[in-house]
């Protein structure tokens, strides 16, 4: 199988699993949000700022070395495992010790309890990072997809049961821990490798150096993502935090459905191309062409139908989330492209350079949000999204240099899907105007169907080359003939 075909197979499995996972997760989220309300969800979000940060630092940091390494030895796997386990232990202890201070900072002591309970998930993920990296390196995304679906189903069942039986905000904690526990079991039963003590200082140093760079990158990314929740929680309280968290959750869900399969599969695919003497830069451009066709209608459409979607699925008590969701949808569009670019840099072993850009982005976002904080929730959200787009040109320059390609084609390939999305947006706006005052379900359904139909026609009329590119990846022998 060609790398392109393996890539599409991996994306298909990750997308299928991701869509199933998020469908279950979405239903669970709606049920629990209606039972528990914005304030309790806001309290969880305050604690989640720190838990998510710690989890991500162990999930995809040192273990990325195993994907980038040309031919890792058993000593490399052992070194990576013990370094990740040590990092997880340090972070879990730090969370436990710092929980009281965090609860005092927010002015809600229950946040401290949530952090202490959820800190166990950091250790659980640390002990699972290497099996997951092995599955990713082997492009075995079928197992990863099934693992994610089972985890979210188990967690959802536990969370809903606890919410219905009066556990309140602790229902979210139960859901979280049950989901991670199921993921841990399935990861370890899917790979034959088991950790050992055999390693050397040289192997520890190599894995540690690369891991430290990726760790800095993840820390910058997660600091950036969690900054709005932290600032909104501190300045505007739990209700505003809950509104923002719900909006981000919806955008994150769509981003997961589109960006995560591409990001997770593209990194080992880029690395494989590099090992085989191919041109990863050209493959990056192909992925960008295909990504634009999907990402633009998803996220522009979400921005346009945010209000009826919020009202239909969550009710009037969550109406304040609609303008925030419209703004954050533009961040989802950015992430669809930027995350693949990041995977490209990591596969090339250039974690240090992309880490520097991530910290520049975080500093810019912190400054803009601090200036905009007096103007409220939508202003902070807008400043957060603007910071990403202002720093994006620097990322393009880095990616073009690493891939030995021109940056302009990476930008130009977005023009046609962007224009098609604008035309789609005009059609959706017209439908919403005509149906103003009608039931929300009718308005939302008509807007979505109209937008999908208009965009599909424009793709067939103006982007047949993208369809041919997709066909050439699926059936390279036919394309060559």
Protein backbone atom coordinates (compact mmCIF):
# COMPACT_ATOMS: atom_id res chain seq x y z
CA UNK A 1 0.00 0.00 0.00
CA UNK A 2 1.24 3.53 -0.76
CA UNK A 3 1.63 6.02 2.05
CA UNK A 4 -1.26 8.01 0.58
CA UNK A 5 -3.54 5.01 0.65
CA UNK A 6 -2.49 4.08 4.19
CA UNK A 7 -3.05 7.69 5.17
CA UNK A 8 -6.60 7.68 3.81
CA UNK A 9 -7.30 4.32 5.44
CA UNK A 10 -6.11 5.67 8.78
CA UNK A 11 -8.13 8.85 8.36
CA UNK A 12 -11.21 6.79 7.48
CA UNK A 13 -10.88 4.70 10.64
CA UNK A 14 -10.16 7.71 12.83
CA UNK A 15 -13.04 9.65 11.27
CA UNK A 16 -15.48 6.75 11.65
CA UNK A 17 -14.43 6.19 15.23
CA UNK A 18 -14.36 9.92 15.91
CA UNK A 19 -17.83 10.51 14.54
CA UNK A 20 -19.23 7.60 16.54
CA UNK A 21 -17.37 8.71 19.66
CA UNK A 22 -18.52 12.31 19.35
CA UNK A 23 -22.11 11.31 18.57
CA UNK A 24 -22.23 9.35 21.83
CA UNK A 25 -20.38 12.09 23.66
CA UNK A 26 -22.72 14.75 22.29
CA UNK A 27 -25.81 12.91 23.48
CA UNK A 28 -24.25 12.38 26.91
CA UNK A 29 -23.20 16.02 27.06
CA UNK A 30 -26.69 17.30 26.21
CA UNK A 31 -28.30 15.05 28.84
CA UNK A 32 -25.85 16.00 31.56
CA UNK A 33 -25.85 19.70 30.66
CA UNK A 34 -29.65 19.83 30.93
CA UNK A 35 -29.63 17.98 34.26
CA UNK A 36 -26.78 19.91 35.87
CA UNK A 37 -26.97 23.39 34.24
CA UNK A 38 -24.38 26.06 33.32
CA UNK A 39 -23.02 26.77 36.82
CA UNK A 40 -21.99 23.19 37.62
CA UNK A 41 -20.50 22.77 34.18
CA UNK A 42 -18.62 26.03 34.76
CA UNK A 43 -17.16 24.64 38.00
CA UNK A 44 -15.93 21.54 36.19
CA UNK A 45 -14.45 23.75 33.46
CA UNK A 46 -12.47 25.70 36.06
CA UNK A 47 -10.90 22.47 37.32
CA UNK A 48 -10.50 21.07 33.80
CA UNK A 49 -8.15 23.92 32.86
CA UNK A 50 -5.41 22.22 34.89
CA UNK A 51 -6.41 18.58 34.42
CA UNK A 52 -6.56 18.82 30.62
CA UNK A 53 -3.21 20.61 30.59
CA UNK A 54 -1.52 17.88 32.65
CA UNK A 55 -3.15 15.05 30.69
CA UNK A 56 -2.04 16.43 27.34
CA UNK A 57 1.51 16.93 28.58
CA UNK A 58 1.84 13.20 29.21
CA UNK A 59 -0.40 11.99 26.35
CA UNK A 60 1.58 13.45 23.44
CA UNK A 61 5.01 14.63 24.56
CA UNK A 62 7.88 12.21 25.21
CA UNK A 63 6.09 9.41 23.34
CA UNK A 64 6.21 11.45 20.11
CA UNK A 65 9.88 10.46 19.94
CA UNK A 66 8.86 6.90 19.03
CA UNK A 67 7.02 8.17 15.95
CA UNK A 68 9.78 10.47 14.70
CA UNK A 69 12.67 8.03 15.40
CA UNK A 70 13.79 6.19 12.23
CA UNK A 71 14.34 2.80 13.88
CA UNK A 72 13.71 2.80 17.67
CA UNK A 73 15.34 0.01 19.68
CA UNK A 74 13.77 -1.75 22.71
CA UNK A 75 15.84 0.57 24.91
CA UNK A 76 14.10 3.55 23.29
CA UNK A 77 10.66 2.17 24.16
CA UNK A 78 11.69 1.53 27.78
CA UNK A 79 13.29 4.95 28.11
CA UNK A 80 10.18 6.63 26.75
CA UNK A 81 7.90 4.69 29.07
CA UNK A 82 9.80 5.50 32.27
CA UNK A 83 10.31 9.15 31.36
CA UNK A 84 6.57 9.51 30.67
CA UNK A 85 5.64 7.67 33.88
CA UNK A 86 7.91 9.95 35.89
CA UNK A 87 6.43 13.03 34.26
CA UNK A 88 2.91 11.81 35.02
CA UNK A 89 3.75 11.23 38.67
CA UNK A 90 5.26 14.70 39.04
CA UNK A 91 2.27 16.39 37.43
CA UNK A 92 -0.28 14.39 39.48
CA UNK A 93 1.47 15.31 42.74
CA UNK A 94 1.71 18.96 41.66
CA UNK A 95 -2.02 19.04 40.96
CA UNK A 96 -2.83 17.50 44.33
CA UNK A 97 -0.62 19.95 46.20
CA UNK A 98 -1.76 23.01 44.23
CA UNK A 99 -5.49 22.24 44.26
CA UNK A 100 -6.19 24.23 47.41
CA UNK A 101 -4.55 27.36 46.04
CA UNK A 102 -6.48 27.02 42.77
CA UNK A 103 -9.79 26.70 44.63
CA UNK A 104 -8.94 29.85 46.62
CA UNK A 105 -8.01 31.71 43.44
CA UNK A 106 -11.40 30.95 41.90
CA UNK A 107 -13.29 31.51 45.14
CA UNK A 108 -14.97 28.08 44.86
CA UNK A 109 -13.44 25.43 47.19
CA UNK A 110 -15.21 22.58 45.37
CA UNK A 111 -12.83 23.15 42.44
CA UNK A 112 -9.96 21.95 44.66
CA UNK A 113 -11.78 18.69 45.35
CA UNK A 114 -12.45 18.11 41.66
CA UNK A 115 -8.80 18.65 40.80
CA UNK A 116 -7.61 16.20 43.47
CA UNK A 117 -10.02 13.49 42.33
CA UNK A 118 -9.27 13.95 38.62
CA UNK A 119 -5.48 14.06 39.10
CA UNK A 120 -5.49 10.24 38.97
CA UNK A 121 -6.28 10.42 35.24
CA UNK A 122 -2.88 12.01 34.59
CA UNK A 123 -1.10 8.92 35.91
CA UNK A 124 -3.44 6.62 34.00
CA UNK A 125 -2.71 8.37 30.70
CA UNK A 126 1.06 8.48 31.41
CA UNK A 127 1.18 4.68 31.70
CA UNK A 128 -0.69 4.33 28.38
CA UNK A 129 1.28 6.78 26.20
CA UNK A 130 3.74 4.24 24.79
CA UNK A 131 1.14 1.63 23.69
CA UNK A 132 -0.78 4.40 21.94
CA UNK A 133 2.42 5.62 20.23
CA UNK A 134 3.11 2.08 19.02
CA UNK A 135 -0.34 1.85 17.46
CA UNK A 136 0.11 5.25 15.80
CA UNK A 137 3.56 4.38 14.43
CA UNK A 138 2.14 1.21 12.90
CA UNK A 139 -0.80 3.22 11.45
CA UNK A 140 -3.13 0.89 13.37
CA UNK A 141 -5.91 3.43 13.70
CA UNK A 142 -8.65 0.82 13.68
CA UNK A 143 -7.77 -0.18 17.25
CA UNK A 144 -7.41 3.44 18.36
CA UNK A 145 -10.85 4.27 16.97
CA UNK A 146 -12.59 1.33 18.64
CA UNK A 147 -10.81 2.16 21.90
CA UNK A 148 -12.11 5.73 21.84
CA UNK A 149 -15.70 4.65 21.15
CA UNK A 150 -15.74 2.12 23.99
CA UNK A 151 -14.23 4.66 26.38
CA UNK A 152 -16.76 7.37 25.71
CA UNK A 153 -19.66 4.89 25.95
CA UNK A 154 -18.49 3.58 29.33
CA UNK A 155 -17.83 7.08 30.63
CA UNK A 156 -21.17 8.36 29.39
CA UNK A 157 -23.10 5.58 31.08
CA UNK A 158 -21.35 6.25 34.39
CA UNK A 159 -21.81 10.03 34.11
CA UNK A 160 -25.53 9.92 33.32
CA UNK A 161 -26.19 7.39 36.08
CA UNK A 162 -24.42 9.60 38.61
CA UNK A 163 -26.23 12.74 37.39
CA UNK A 164 -29.62 11.05 37.70
CA UNK A 165 -28.84 9.75 41.19
CA UNK A 166 -27.91 13.13 42.64
CA UNK A 167 -24.11 13.30 42.46
CA UNK A 168 -24.19 16.83 41.00
CA UNK A 169 -20.90 18.18 39.67
CA UNK A 170 -19.13 14.96 40.72
CA UNK A 171 -20.98 13.22 37.88
CA UNK A 172 -18.60 14.88 35.44
CA UNK A 173 -15.63 13.53 37.41
CA UNK A 174 -17.08 10.01 37.39
CA UNK A 175 -17.63 10.17 33.64
CA UNK A 176 -14.08 11.37 33.05
CA UNK A 177 -12.37 8.70 35.17
CA UNK A 178 -14.48 5.85 33.76
CA UNK A 179 -13.68 6.90 30.18
CA UNK A 180 -9.91 7.03 30.80
CA UNK A 181 -9.96 3.71 32.64
CA UNK A 182 -11.63 1.97 29.69
CA UNK A 183 -9.07 3.52 27.31
CA UNK A 184 -6.18 2.26 29.45
CA UNK A 185 -7.44 -1.33 29.45
CA UNK A 186 -8.03 -1.45 25.70
CA UNK A 187 -4.65 0.13 24.85
CA UNK A 188 -2.64 -2.38 26.85
CA UNK A 189 -4.58 -5.37 25.52
CA UNK A 190 -3.93 -4.25 21.91
CA UNK A 191 -0.10 -4.34 21.85
CA UNK A 192 2.32 -7.17 22.78
CA UNK A 193 5.00 -4.80 24.10
CA UNK A 194 5.54 -4.59 27.84
CA UNK A 195 7.92 -2.22 29.66
CA UNK A 196 11.29 -3.39 30.95
CA UNK A 197 14.19 -1.90 32.84
CA UNK A 198 16.76 -2.33 30.06
CA UNK A 199 17.83 1.07 28.73
CA UNK A 200 20.88 3.37 28.73
CA UNK A 201 21.69 6.97 29.51
CA UNK A 202 22.08 7.65 25.79
CA UNK A 203 18.59 6.35 25.02
CA UNK A 204 17.14 8.31 27.95
CA UNK A 205 18.93 11.45 26.76
CA UNK A 206 17.69 11.13 23.16
CA UNK A 207 14.10 10.54 24.16
CA UNK A 208 14.34 13.22 26.84
CA UNK A 209 15.71 15.90 24.51
CA UNK A 210 13.01 15.37 21.91
CA UNK A 211 10.36 14.95 24.58
CA UNK A 212 11.38 18.21 26.27
CA UNK A 213 10.84 20.11 23.03
CA UNK A 214 7.43 18.52 22.42
CA UNK A 215 6.58 19.08 26.08
CA UNK A 216 7.29 22.78 25.62
CA UNK A 217 5.10 22.79 22.53
CA UNK A 218 2.19 21.05 24.29
CA UNK A 219 2.53 23.35 27.29
CA UNK A 220 2.32 26.40 25.02
CA UNK A 221 -0.68 24.99 23.13
CA UNK A 222 -2.58 24.04 26.23
CA UNK A 223 -1.76 27.28 27.98
CA UNK A 224 -3.15 29.04 24.94
CA UNK A 225 -6.33 26.93 24.81
CA UNK A 226 -7.02 27.23 28.54
CA UNK A 227 -6.24 30.96 28.87
CA UNK A 228 -9.79 32.10 27.97
CA UNK A 229 -11.37 29.72 30.51
CA UNK A 230 -8.93 30.88 33.18
CA UNK A 231 -9.51 34.59 32.50
CA UNK A 232 -13.27 34.31 32.10
CA UNK A 233 -13.49 32.27 35.30
CA UNK A 234 -11.43 34.82 37.22
CA UNK A 235 -13.12 37.98 35.85
CA UNK A 236 -16.66 36.96 34.89
CA UNK A 237 -17.57 33.99 37.13
CA UNK A 238 -18.86 30.43 36.63
CA UNK A 239 -21.92 31.24 34.47
CA UNK A 240 -19.86 33.04 31.80
CA UNK A 241 -17.26 30.28 32.08
CA UNK A 242 -19.96 27.68 31.47
CA UNK A 243 -21.22 29.54 28.38
CA UNK A 244 -17.71 29.75 26.95
CA UNK A 245 -16.93 26.13 27.86
CA UNK A 246 -20.05 24.86 26.09
CA UNK A 247 -19.20 26.85 22.96
CA UNK A 248 -15.62 25.61 22.99
CA UNK A 249 -16.86 22.06 23.56
CA UNK A 250 -18.96 22.21 20.38
CA UNK A 251 -16.11 23.66 18.33
CA UNK A 252 -13.72 21.14 19.84
CA UNK A 253 -16.10 18.36 18.83
CA UNK A 254 -16.15 19.43 15.19
CA UNK A 255 -12.40 20.01 15.30
CA UNK A 256 -12.00 16.50 16.65
CA UNK A 257 -14.08 15.11 13.79
CA UNK A 258 -12.04 16.89 11.10
CA UNK A 259 -8.63 17.91 12.44
CA UNK A 260 -7.82 15.08 14.84
CA UNK A 261 -7.98 12.24 12.26
CA UNK A 262 -5.80 14.30 9.91
CA UNK A 263 -3.34 15.27 12.65
CA UNK A 264 -3.02 11.82 14.19
CA UNK A 265 -2.58 10.01 10.86
CA UNK A 266 -0.54 12.61 8.98
CA UNK A 267 2.35 12.67 11.47
CA UNK A 268 3.36 8.98 11.07
CA UNK A 269 2.61 9.27 7.33
CA UNK A 270 4.97 12.26 6.96
CA UNK A 271 7.60 10.38 8.98
CA UNK A 272 7.21 7.27 6.81
CA UNK A 273 7.60 9.32 3.63
CA UNK A 274 10.76 10.90 5.00
CA UNK A 275 12.23 7.49 5.89
CA UNK A 276 11.40 6.19 2.40
CA UNK A 277 13.06 9.15 0.63
CA UNK A 278 9.80 10.79 -0.49
CA UNK A 279 8.79 14.47 -0.39
CA UNK A 280 6.64 15.13 2.69
CA UNK A 281 6.23 18.78 1.64
CA UNK A 282 4.32 17.80 -1.48
CA UNK A 283 2.13 15.45 0.55
CA UNK A 284 1.39 18.30 2.99
CA UNK A 285 0.12 20.40 0.09
CA UNK A 286 -2.12 17.55 -1.07
CA UNK A 287 -3.60 17.24 2.43
CA UNK A 288 -4.17 21.00 2.59
CA UNK A 289 -6.11 20.87 -0.70
CA UNK A 290 -8.40 18.14 0.60
CA UNK A 291 -8.78 19.67 4.05
CA UNK A 292 -10.06 22.96 2.66
CA UNK A 293 -12.95 21.25 0.88
CA UNK A 294 -14.24 19.87 4.19
CA UNK A 295 -13.19 22.46 6.79
CA UNK A 296 -14.65 25.60 5.24
CA UNK A 297 -18.29 24.46 5.03
CA UNK A 298 -18.17 22.84 8.47
CA UNK A 299 -16.91 25.81 10.43
CA UNK A 300 -18.40 28.65 8.38
CA UNK A 301 -21.72 26.81 8.55
CA UNK A 302 -21.40 26.44 12.31
CA UNK A 303 -20.82 30.18 12.70
CA UNK A 304 -23.96 30.91 10.69
CA UNK A 305 -26.34 28.55 12.53
CA UNK A 306 -24.95 28.94 16.06
CA UNK A 307 -28.05 30.63 17.47
CA UNK A 308 -30.73 28.14 16.34
CA UNK A 309 -28.42 25.22 17.14
CA UNK A 310 -27.88 26.40 20.73
CA UNK A 311 -31.58 27.04 21.26
CA UNK A 312 -32.63 23.69 19.81
CA UNK A 313 -30.16 21.45 21.62
CA UNK A 314 -29.60 23.28 24.91
CA UNK A 315 -32.53 25.66 25.44
CA UNK A 316 -32.95 29.33 26.38
CA UNK A 317 -30.73 29.12 29.47
CA UNK A 318 -27.72 28.62 27.18
CA UNK A 319 -28.66 31.34 24.62
CA UNK A 320 -25.72 33.51 25.68
CA UNK A 321 -23.36 30.92 24.20
CA UNK A 322 -24.50 31.58 20.60
CA UNK A 323 -22.32 34.65 19.79
CA UNK A 324 -19.34 32.99 21.46
CA UNK A 325 -19.87 29.86 19.36
CA UNK A 326 -19.99 31.92 16.13
CA UNK A 327 -16.62 33.48 16.94
CA UNK A 328 -14.98 30.23 18.05
CA UNK A 329 -16.07 28.53 14.82
CA UNK A 330 -13.40 30.61 13.06
CA UNK A 331 -10.82 29.10 15.41
CA UNK A 332 -12.00 25.62 14.36
CA UNK A 333 -11.28 26.56 10.74
CA UNK A 334 -7.76 27.67 11.70
CA UNK A 335 -7.09 24.47 13.66
CA UNK A 336 -8.12 22.24 10.76
CA UNK A 337 -5.05 23.43 8.83
CA UNK A 338 -2.64 24.39 11.61
CA UNK A 339 -2.70 21.03 13.37
CA UNK A 340 -1.61 19.20 10.22
CA UNK A 341 1.17 21.76 9.73
CA UNK A 342 2.29 21.07 13.28
CA UNK A 343 2.32 17.31 12.67
CA UNK A 344 4.50 17.97 9.64
CA UNK A 345 7.07 19.83 11.77
CA UNK A 346 7.06 17.12 14.46
CA UNK A 347 7.54 14.34 11.89
CA UNK A 348 10.56 16.26 10.56
CA UNK A 349 12.03 16.39 14.08
CA UNK A 350 11.63 20.19 14.30
CA UNK A 351 9.73 20.33 17.56
CA UNK A 352 11.85 23.16 18.94
CA UNK A 353 10.97 25.62 16.18
CA UNK A 354 7.22 24.96 16.25
CA UNK A 355 7.38 25.21 20.05
CA UNK A 356 8.81 28.74 19.77
CA UNK A 357 5.94 29.79 17.51
CA UNK A 358 3.40 28.34 19.93
CA UNK A 359 4.76 30.44 22.79
CA UNK A 360 4.67 33.58 20.62
CA UNK A 361 1.02 32.81 19.88
CA UNK A 362 0.26 32.29 23.59
CA UNK A 363 1.91 35.57 24.59
CA UNK A 364 0.03 37.45 21.88
CA UNK A 365 -3.30 35.92 22.93
CA UNK A 366 -2.69 36.72 26.61
CA UNK A 367 -2.00 40.36 25.77
CA UNK A 368 -5.01 40.78 23.51
CA UNK A 369 -7.38 39.08 25.95
CA UNK A 370 -6.13 41.17 28.87
CA UNK A 371 -6.82 44.34 26.89
CA UNK A 372 -10.29 43.16 25.80
CA UNK A 373 -11.41 41.75 29.21
CA UNK A 374 -13.36 44.89 30.29
CA UNK A 375 -15.68 44.48 27.27
CA UNK A 376 -16.97 41.07 28.33
CA UNK A 377 -17.24 37.51 27.11
CA UNK A 378 -17.49 38.01 23.34
CA UNK A 379 -14.60 40.49 23.35
CA UNK A 380 -12.28 38.06 25.15
CA UNK A 381 -13.29 35.31 22.72
CA UNK A 382 -12.69 37.52 19.69
CA UNK A 383 -9.26 38.53 20.94
CA UNK A 384 -8.36 34.88 21.50
CA UNK A 385 -9.27 33.90 17.93
CA UNK A 386 -7.58 36.97 16.41
CA UNK A 387 -4.26 36.07 18.06
CA UNK A 388 -4.14 32.75 16.18
CA UNK A 389 -4.65 34.34 12.78
CA UNK A 390 -2.15 37.13 13.44
CA UNK A 391 0.59 34.58 14.24
CA UNK A 392 -0.29 32.18 11.40
CA UNK A 393 2.06 33.70 8.73
CA UNK A 394 5.06 32.75 10.87
CA UNK A 395 3.91 29.12 10.84
CA UNK A 396 3.55 29.15 7.06
CA UNK A 397 7.11 30.40 6.67
CA UNK A 398 8.46 27.66 8.94
CA UNK A 399 6.51 24.89 7.23
CA UNK A 400 7.57 26.04 3.77
CA UNK A 401 11.22 26.10 4.83
CA UNK A 402 11.11 22.63 6.36
CA UNK A 403 9.22 21.15 3.40
CA UNK A 404 11.37 22.94 0.83
CA UNK A 405 8.28 24.27 -0.89
CA UNK A 406 6.79 27.71 -1.50
CA UNK A 407 4.37 29.01 1.12
CA UNK A 408 2.08 30.53 -1.50
CA UNK A 409 0.51 27.24 -2.75
CA UNK A 410 -0.39 26.39 0.87
CA UNK A 411 -2.33 29.65 1.04
CA UNK A 412 -3.69 29.71 -2.51
CA UNK A 413 -5.25 26.24 -2.23
CA UNK A 414 -7.75 27.71 0.25
CA UNK A 415 -9.14 30.37 -2.10
CA UNK A 416 -11.69 28.26 -3.99
CA UNK A 417 -13.19 26.50 -0.94
CA UNK A 418 -13.29 29.87 0.85
CA UNK A 419 -15.23 31.46 -2.02
CA UNK A 420 -17.60 28.49 -2.15
CA UNK A 421 -18.15 28.82 1.62
CA UNK A 422 -18.99 32.52 1.20
CA UNK A 423 -21.60 31.69 -1.44
CA UNK A 424 -22.95 28.97 0.84
CA UNK A 425 -23.14 31.50 3.69
CA UNK A 426 -25.19 33.92 1.63
CA UNK A 427 -27.67 31.15 0.80
CA UNK A 428 -27.91 30.10 4.46
CA UNK A 429 -28.43 33.70 5.59
CA UNK A 430 -31.22 34.13 3.04
CA UNK A 431 -32.98 30.97 4.24
CA UNK A 432 -32.75 32.05 7.88
CA UNK A 433 -34.16 35.48 6.99
CA UNK A 434 -37.10 33.92 5.11
CA UNK A 435 -37.85 31.54 8.00
CA UNK A 436 -37.46 34.08 10.82
CA UNK A 437 -40.11 33.43 13.46
CA UNK A 438 -40.66 29.81 12.39
CA UNK A 439 -39.89 26.85 14.71
CA UNK A 440 -36.18 26.55 15.46
CA UNK A 441 -35.99 22.99 14.13
CA UNK A 442 -37.40 24.08 10.75
CA UNK A 443 -35.04 27.05 10.53
CA UNK A 444 -31.96 25.00 11.41
CA UNK A 445 -32.86 22.04 9.18
CA UNK A 446 -33.59 24.23 6.15
CA UNK A 447 -30.39 26.22 6.66
CA UNK A 448 -28.21 23.11 6.91
CA UNK A 449 -29.76 21.39 3.89
CA UNK A 450 -29.53 24.54 1.77
CA UNK A 451 -25.92 25.14 2.74
CA UNK A 452 -24.90 21.55 2.06
CA UNK A 453 -26.63 21.54 -1.34
CA UNK A 454 -25.15 24.84 -2.50
CA UNK A 455 -21.65 23.92 -1.39
CA UNK A 456 -21.79 20.45 -2.98
CA UNK A 457 -22.79 21.97 -6.33
CA UNK A 458 -19.94 24.47 -6.13
CA UNK A 459 -17.44 21.72 -5.35
CA UNK A 460 -18.55 19.76 -8.42
CA UNK A 461 -18.36 22.89 -10.56
CA UNK A 462 -15.07 24.39 -9.36
CA UNK A 463 -13.02 21.78 -7.46
CA UNK A 464 -13.00 18.62 -9.54
CA UNK A 465 -9.20 18.54 -9.24
CA UNK A 466 -9.62 17.89 -5.49
CA UNK A 467 -11.87 14.93 -6.27
CA UNK A 468 -9.26 13.59 -8.67
CA UNK A 469 -6.59 13.98 -6.01
CA UNK A 470 -8.69 11.98 -3.56
CA UNK A 471 -9.23 9.26 -6.18
CA UNK A 472 -5.49 9.09 -6.90
CA UNK A 473 -4.81 8.41 -3.21
CA UNK A 474 -7.48 5.75 -2.95
CA UNK A 475 -6.55 4.03 -6.21
CA UNK A 476 -3.02 5.10 -7.26
CA UNK A 477 -2.82 2.38 -9.90
CA UNK A 478 -5.94 3.75 -11.64
CA UNK A 479 -4.66 7.32 -11.47
CA UNK A 480 -1.32 6.26 -12.92
CA UNK A 481 -3.02 4.44 -15.78
